Protein backbone atom coordinates (compact mmCIF):
# COMPACT_ATOMS: atom_id res chain seq x y z
CA MET A 1 -87.64 6.30 1.78
CA LEU A 2 -90.71 6.39 4.02
CA LEU A 3 -90.31 5.62 7.68
CA PRO A 4 -90.53 1.91 8.58
CA SER A 5 -93.68 0.31 9.92
CA ILE A 6 -94.21 -0.17 13.65
CA PRO A 7 -92.51 -3.48 14.49
CA LEU A 8 -94.53 -6.42 15.84
CA SER A 9 -93.14 -9.73 16.93
CA ASN A 10 -93.43 -12.53 14.37
CA GLU A 11 -95.53 -14.49 16.85
CA THR A 12 -98.05 -11.66 17.23
CA ARG A 13 -98.23 -11.02 13.51
CA ASP A 14 -98.65 -14.69 12.64
CA LEU A 15 -101.38 -15.08 15.25
CA PHE A 16 -103.61 -12.60 13.45
CA LEU A 17 -102.72 -13.73 9.94
CA GLU A 18 -103.36 -17.39 10.75
CA ALA A 19 -106.74 -16.37 12.12
CA GLY A 20 -107.50 -14.80 8.76
CA SER A 21 -108.06 -11.45 10.42
CA SER A 22 -105.95 -9.07 8.35
CA LEU A 23 -108.46 -6.28 8.87
CA PHE A 24 -108.27 -6.66 12.66
CA TYR A 25 -104.49 -6.75 12.38
CA CYS A 26 -104.63 -3.43 10.56
CA ILE A 27 -106.77 -1.89 13.31
CA PHE A 28 -104.54 -3.42 16.01
CA ARG A 29 -101.44 -1.89 14.43
CA GLN A 30 -103.07 1.52 14.40
CA ARG A 31 -103.78 1.31 18.13
CA MET A 32 -100.25 0.28 19.06
CA PRO A 33 -98.82 3.08 21.21
CA THR A 34 -95.86 4.91 19.69
CA PRO A 35 -93.77 7.79 21.01
CA THR A 36 -95.06 10.10 18.27
CA SER A 37 -98.60 8.66 17.96
CA ARG A 38 -97.90 8.20 14.27
CA ILE A 39 -100.75 6.97 12.09
CA GLU A 40 -99.40 3.78 10.56
CA ILE A 41 -100.88 2.45 7.32
CA PRO A 42 -99.93 -1.19 6.71
CA ALA A 43 -97.56 -1.85 3.84
CA ASP A 44 -98.70 -5.42 3.26
CA GLU A 45 -102.49 -5.05 3.10
CA SER A 46 -104.77 -4.14 0.22
CA GLN A 47 -107.45 -2.62 2.45
CA CYS A 48 -107.86 -1.68 6.07
CA THR A 49 -109.94 0.37 8.46
CA LEU A 50 -108.19 2.71 10.87
CA ARG A 51 -109.41 4.69 13.84
CA VAL A 52 -108.31 8.27 13.13
CA SER A 53 -109.44 11.49 14.84
CA GLY A 54 -112.16 9.50 16.58
CA HIS A 55 -113.58 8.16 13.30
CA SER A 56 -113.30 4.90 11.39
CA VAL A 57 -111.69 5.45 7.99
CA THR A 58 -111.62 2.69 5.39
CA LEU A 59 -108.66 2.85 3.00
CA THR A 60 -108.77 0.81 -0.19
CA SER A 61 -106.51 -0.35 -3.05
CA LEU A 62 -103.43 0.33 -0.95
CA GLN A 63 -101.14 -1.61 -3.30
CA LYS A 64 -102.26 0.25 -6.44
CA ALA A 65 -99.28 1.88 -8.19
CA PHE A 66 -99.75 5.65 -8.29
CA TRP A 67 -96.27 6.29 -9.75
CA PRO A 68 -95.72 2.97 -11.55
CA GLU A 69 -92.15 3.59 -12.74
CA LEU A 70 -91.04 4.43 -9.21
CA GLY A 71 -93.00 1.75 -7.40
CA VAL A 72 -94.81 4.39 -5.32
CA THR A 73 -98.21 3.14 -4.23
CA LYS A 74 -101.43 4.64 -3.00
CA ARG A 75 -100.41 3.47 0.44
CA ASP A 76 -97.22 5.55 0.21
CA LEU A 77 -99.29 8.60 -0.72
CA LEU A 78 -101.68 8.03 2.17
CA GLN A 79 -98.80 7.50 4.59
CA TYR A 80 -97.22 10.79 3.53
CA TYR A 81 -100.43 12.70 4.18
CA ALA A 82 -100.89 10.93 7.49
CA ASP A 83 -97.39 12.02 8.50
CA VAL A 84 -97.81 15.70 7.53
CA ALA A 85 -101.43 16.04 8.68
CA PRO A 86 -100.57 17.93 11.92
CA VAL A 87 -99.04 20.82 9.94
CA LEU A 88 -101.26 20.54 6.86
CA ILE A 89 -104.71 20.47 8.49
CA PRO A 90 -104.50 24.04 9.91
CA HIS A 91 -104.07 25.30 6.33
CA LEU A 92 -107.13 23.39 5.10
CA ARG A 93 -109.52 23.63 8.03
CA ASP A 94 -112.83 25.46 7.44
CA ARG A 95 -112.16 25.81 3.70
CA ALA A 96 -114.07 24.29 0.80
CA MET A 97 -112.02 21.67 -1.05
CA VAL A 98 -112.05 21.16 -4.82
CA MET A 99 -111.29 17.50 -5.54
CA LYS A 100 -108.98 16.60 -8.41
CA ARG A 101 -109.15 12.83 -8.46
CA TYR A 102 -106.65 10.37 -9.91
CA PRO A 103 -108.30 7.03 -9.04
CA ASN A 104 -105.78 5.07 -11.16
CA GLY A 105 -102.64 7.01 -10.30
CA VAL A 106 -100.98 10.02 -11.88
CA LYS A 107 -100.78 8.37 -15.32
CA GLY A 108 -104.48 7.59 -15.39
CA LYS A 109 -107.34 9.89 -16.28
CA CYS A 110 -108.20 12.55 -13.73
CA PHE A 111 -111.39 14.51 -13.17
CA PHE A 112 -112.55 17.40 -11.02
CA MET A 113 -115.32 17.25 -8.46
CA LYS A 114 -116.75 20.04 -6.37
CA ARG A 115 -119.75 18.42 -4.73
CA ALA A 116 -118.93 15.99 -1.93
CA PRO A 117 -119.73 12.48 -3.18
CA SER A 118 -122.67 10.60 -1.75
CA PRO A 119 -122.89 8.32 0.09
CA ARG A 120 -120.13 9.52 2.39
CA PRO A 121 -119.35 9.19 6.09
CA LYS A 122 -121.66 11.24 8.30
CA TRP A 123 -118.67 12.90 9.93
CA ILE A 124 -117.45 14.52 6.69
CA ARG A 125 -118.22 18.22 7.06
CA THR A 126 -119.26 20.24 4.02
CA CYS A 127 -119.20 23.90 3.01
CA SER A 128 -122.28 25.12 1.13
CA VAL A 129 -121.37 27.68 -1.53
CA GLU A 130 -123.93 29.42 -3.71
CA HIS A 131 -122.69 30.08 -7.25
CA GLY A 132 -123.76 32.72 -9.75
CA SER A 133 -126.11 30.29 -11.44
CA GLY A 134 -128.05 29.99 -8.20
CA SER A 135 -126.94 26.43 -7.57
CA VAL A 136 -125.61 25.54 -4.14
CA ILE A 137 -122.66 23.14 -4.02
CA ASP A 138 -121.66 21.29 -0.87
CA PHE A 139 -117.86 21.07 -0.94
CA PRO A 140 -116.09 18.68 1.44
CA ILE A 141 -113.77 20.08 4.12
CA ALA A 142 -110.53 18.50 5.35
CA GLN A 143 -111.25 19.31 8.97
CA ASN A 144 -109.02 16.65 10.55
CA SER A 145 -106.74 13.73 9.71
CA ALA A 146 -109.69 11.40 9.14
CA SER A 147 -111.31 13.62 6.49
CA LEU A 148 -107.90 14.28 4.89
CA LEU A 149 -107.24 10.55 4.46
CA TRP A 150 -110.79 10.06 3.19
CA LEU A 151 -110.10 12.62 0.43
CA VAL A 152 -106.76 11.08 -0.48
CA ASN A 153 -108.38 7.65 -0.60
CA LEU A 154 -110.69 9.04 -3.32
CA GLY A 155 -107.58 9.59 -5.41
CA CYS A 156 -106.93 13.24 -4.54
CA VAL A 157 -103.18 13.55 -5.04
CA ASP A 158 -103.00 17.26 -4.24
CA MET A 159 -105.14 19.40 -1.96
CA ASN A 160 -106.91 22.41 -3.48
CA GLN A 161 -108.70 24.58 -0.94
CA TRP A 162 -110.49 27.92 -1.28
CA TYR A 163 -108.74 31.13 -0.24
CA SER A 164 -111.65 32.13 1.98
CA ARG A 165 -113.16 30.30 4.91
CA CYS A 166 -116.65 28.88 4.88
CA ASP A 167 -118.10 31.43 7.27
CA ASP A 168 -117.40 34.21 4.72
CA ILE A 169 -116.62 32.83 1.29
CA ASP A 170 -116.37 36.27 -0.34
CA ARG A 171 -113.50 37.56 1.81
CA PRO A 172 -110.14 35.77 1.59
CA ASP A 173 -107.59 35.90 4.38
CA TYR A 174 -104.56 35.91 2.13
CA LEU A 175 -103.31 37.43 -1.10
CA HIS A 176 -101.05 35.38 -3.33
CA PHE A 177 -99.10 35.26 -6.57
CA ASP A 178 -98.46 32.18 -8.70
CA LEU A 179 -95.12 32.53 -10.49
CA ASP A 180 -95.31 30.30 -13.55
CA PRO A 181 -92.51 30.12 -16.13
CA VAL A 182 -93.47 30.50 -19.77
CA GLU A 183 -92.59 27.29 -21.60
CA GLY A 184 -88.83 27.05 -22.07
CA THR A 185 -87.99 29.49 -19.27
CA PRO A 186 -85.49 28.08 -16.73
CA PHE A 187 -86.43 27.82 -13.08
CA SER A 188 -83.56 30.16 -12.20
CA ARG A 189 -85.65 32.98 -13.64
CA VAL A 190 -88.59 31.98 -11.47
CA ARG A 191 -86.33 32.41 -8.45
CA ASP A 192 -85.23 35.83 -9.73
CA VAL A 193 -88.83 36.95 -10.19
CA ALA A 194 -89.78 35.57 -6.76
CA LEU A 195 -87.17 37.85 -5.21
CA ILE A 196 -88.53 40.80 -7.19
CA VAL A 197 -92.12 40.12 -6.09
CA GLY A 198 -91.03 39.52 -2.50
CA GLU A 199 -89.12 42.81 -2.44
CA ALA A 200 -92.04 44.75 -3.92
CA LEU A 201 -94.46 43.36 -1.34
CA GLY A 202 -91.96 43.92 1.46
CA LYS A 203 -91.68 47.61 0.54
CA LEU A 204 -95.43 47.86 1.11
CA GLY A 205 -94.95 46.45 4.60
CA MET A 206 -96.26 42.97 3.84
CA LYS A 207 -94.97 39.76 5.37
CA THR A 208 -94.37 37.28 2.58
CA PHE A 209 -94.18 33.50 2.55
CA ALA A 210 -92.89 31.43 -0.35
CA LYS A 211 -93.19 27.80 -1.36
CA THR A 212 -92.29 25.71 -4.35
CA THR A 213 -95.35 24.69 -6.32
CA GLY A 214 -94.05 21.16 -6.71
CA ALA A 215 -94.68 21.51 -10.45
CA SER A 216 -92.79 24.33 -12.19
CA GLY A 217 -93.02 27.54 -10.19
CA ILE A 218 -93.16 29.34 -6.87
CA HIS A 219 -96.14 30.58 -4.86
CA ILE A 220 -95.91 33.74 -2.74
CA TYR A 221 -98.58 34.37 -0.09
CA VAL A 222 -99.38 37.35 2.12
CA PRO A 223 -101.66 36.94 5.16
CA ILE A 224 -104.20 39.78 5.14
CA VAL A 225 -106.92 41.01 7.46
CA ARG A 226 -110.12 39.45 6.21
CA LYS A 227 -112.14 42.46 5.12
CA PRO A 228 -111.84 43.28 1.38
CA LEU A 229 -114.00 41.31 -1.02
CA GLN A 230 -112.26 38.78 -3.24
CA LYS A 231 -112.80 41.02 -6.29
CA LEU A 232 -110.85 43.84 -4.66
CA VAL A 233 -108.02 41.53 -3.63
CA TRP A 234 -107.85 40.36 -7.25
CA THR A 235 -107.82 43.99 -8.43
CA PHE A 236 -104.84 44.81 -6.22
CA ALA A 237 -102.95 41.69 -7.36
CA LYS A 238 -103.56 42.62 -10.99
CA ALA A 239 -102.30 46.17 -10.48
CA LEU A 240 -99.12 44.99 -8.79
CA ALA A 241 -98.45 42.35 -11.45
CA ARG A 242 -98.89 44.94 -14.22
CA ASN A 243 -96.58 47.32 -12.38
CA LEU A 244 -93.86 44.68 -12.11
CA GLU A 245 -94.30 43.85 -15.78
CA GLU A 246 -93.60 47.50 -16.65
CA LYS A 247 -90.55 47.69 -14.39
CA HIS A 248 -89.04 44.34 -15.42
CA PRO A 249 -90.21 43.71 -19.01
CA LYS A 250 -87.40 41.25 -19.77
CA LEU A 251 -88.30 39.02 -16.82
CA VAL A 252 -91.95 39.48 -15.92
CA THR A 253 -95.19 39.08 -17.85
CA ALA A 254 -98.72 39.56 -16.60
CA GLU A 255 -100.25 38.47 -19.91
CA TYR A 256 -102.97 35.96 -19.15
CA ARG A 257 -103.41 34.74 -22.75
CA ILE A 258 -100.95 31.88 -23.19
CA ALA A 259 -100.30 32.50 -26.89
CA LYS A 260 -99.30 36.11 -26.24
CA ARG A 261 -96.88 35.53 -23.39
CA PRO A 262 -93.34 36.45 -24.46
CA LYS A 263 -90.71 33.71 -24.31
CA GLY A 264 -88.22 33.68 -21.50
CA ARG A 265 -90.57 35.42 -19.07
CA VAL A 266 -92.20 34.39 -15.83
CA LEU A 267 -95.94 34.91 -15.48
CA VAL A 268 -96.89 36.73 -12.29
CA ASP A 269 -100.33 35.19 -12.22
CA TYR A 270 -102.72 37.51 -10.41
CA ASN A 271 -105.83 35.85 -11.82
CA GLN A 272 -105.61 32.97 -9.35
CA ASN A 273 -106.97 35.45 -6.79
CA ALA A 274 -110.36 35.38 -8.52
CA TRP A 275 -113.41 34.05 -6.68
CA GLY A 276 -113.65 30.26 -6.74
CA LYS A 277 -110.07 29.71 -7.94
CA THR A 278 -107.72 27.40 -6.06
CA LEU A 279 -104.03 26.55 -5.95
CA ALA A 280 -102.33 23.43 -4.68
CA SER A 281 -102.01 23.73 -0.93
CA VAL A 282 -98.82 23.91 1.03
CA TYR A 283 -97.47 20.35 1.59
CA SER A 284 -99.53 19.06 -1.35
CA VAL A 285 -98.11 16.21 -3.39
CA ARG A 286 -98.18 17.03 -7.09
CA PRO A 287 -99.13 14.64 -9.92
CA GLN A 288 -95.76 14.96 -11.65
CA LYS A 289 -93.26 12.37 -12.90
CA ARG A 290 -91.97 12.18 -9.34
CA PRO A 291 -94.07 12.67 -6.19
CA THR A 292 -92.81 16.20 -5.60
CA VAL A 293 -94.30 18.32 -2.84
CA SER A 294 -95.29 21.98 -2.69
CA THR A 295 -92.95 22.95 0.12
CA PRO A 296 -92.40 26.11 2.20
CA VAL A 297 -88.95 27.60 1.63
CA THR A 298 -87.07 30.51 3.14
CA TRP A 299 -85.99 33.50 1.10
CA GLU A 300 -82.41 32.45 1.80
CA GLU A 301 -83.11 29.10 0.15
CA ILE A 302 -84.53 30.86 -2.90
CA GLU A 303 -81.42 33.02 -3.12
CA GLY A 304 -79.29 29.90 -2.68
CA GLY A 305 -80.78 28.11 -5.69
CA VAL A 306 -83.54 25.85 -4.36
CA GLU A 307 -85.03 23.51 -7.00
CA ILE A 308 -88.50 22.02 -7.48
CA GLY A 309 -87.13 18.49 -7.28
CA ASP A 310 -85.52 19.07 -3.89
CA PHE A 311 -88.73 18.11 -2.08
CA THR A 312 -90.68 14.85 -2.37
CA ILE A 313 -92.81 12.64 -0.15
CA ALA A 314 -89.58 10.86 0.80
CA ASN A 315 -87.95 13.81 2.57
CA VAL A 316 -90.56 16.46 3.41
CA PRO A 317 -91.72 14.81 6.68
CA ALA A 318 -88.12 14.87 7.93
CA ARG A 319 -87.79 18.52 6.87
CA ILE A 320 -90.92 19.38 8.85
CA ALA A 321 -89.59 17.51 11.87
CA GLU A 322 -86.43 19.62 11.68
CA LEU A 323 -87.83 23.05 10.76
CA GLY A 324 -91.47 22.89 11.83
CA ASP A 325 -94.14 24.57 9.73
CA LEU A 326 -92.52 27.59 8.09
CA TRP A 327 -96.00 28.72 7.04
CA ALA A 328 -97.59 28.60 10.49
CA PRO A 329 -97.84 32.45 10.64
CA LEU A 330 -100.40 32.32 7.81
CA ASN A 331 -102.89 30.93 10.32
CA SER A 332 -102.12 33.49 13.03
CA LYS A 333 -104.63 36.20 13.87
CA THR A 334 -101.83 38.68 14.47
CA GLY A 335 -99.43 40.26 12.01
CA ARG A 336 -101.90 40.28 9.13
CA PHE A 337 -101.66 43.08 6.59
CA LYS A 338 -104.51 45.57 6.23
CA LEU A 339 -104.97 45.66 2.49
CA ASP A 340 -108.02 47.94 2.26
CA PRO A 341 -106.08 51.26 2.64
CA LEU A 342 -104.20 50.39 -0.57
CA LEU A 343 -107.44 49.71 -2.40
């Protein structure tokens, strides 16, 4: 379950409610000092305005059911992101965000947005990206907790950021592989393939970081020196995936056409490295039957039989409190692999 709300005396709470000032009560609760300075979103309000990261953020439809069968509300989703923001924001900062919006919860219709909606708060930063058609799209950026909650309030269940930063959108600072089981393939095989990919990258001298996707697979990332163009990073990923397919034909496929993928295999998806593609971020909630979370895991956990369903919004904040951010090295300037000699 989510952590309890900050306690107020009944007298204090009733004072504000009797005055008909639920909005002020919401703001008051946010300003209450706590040992961890936790952002607290009220559980008994339908709307409130909080002061976050020096900005006023209005959160709406807090009681709307986002996972109706489980009784998980939009407020619960917002509270999760508020709790993990300190470790999540460094992975999103300075990157264009593609919005996948579920305004009526995960069972409702969803739609993609690239351009930051207008009107929007003046403090929402954008990343201007010119596309092949010549059009320039201003993507929003989750630069701090305020902008993160603003995005989630739009119905963004998961976070999907670009692989490159806004100051050089053609050069990513990590290489990655999306391990996706062909329909009917058990997750145990995804773990097996993850170990194969991790070993292959390790033999090249790369530091690898794994996470569950929160949906059906595993993501493996490698922090690289930001120099090669995205197209070249994609080319390397394709070559490695094809090589693994040749070496492990009974486990691995690199076939991008769904109809031609052999059964029982795991797709080592290199194509997600293409320009403009995105994957669900680390610590992203996924729009699945349960509010599962894309969670960093150790290689020992993969060997030990970790499962997708092990991580949800109910337990990931406690895991972070215990282990910290296992993916923090991805944001370090040191220890990054120089990919261009291999190209």
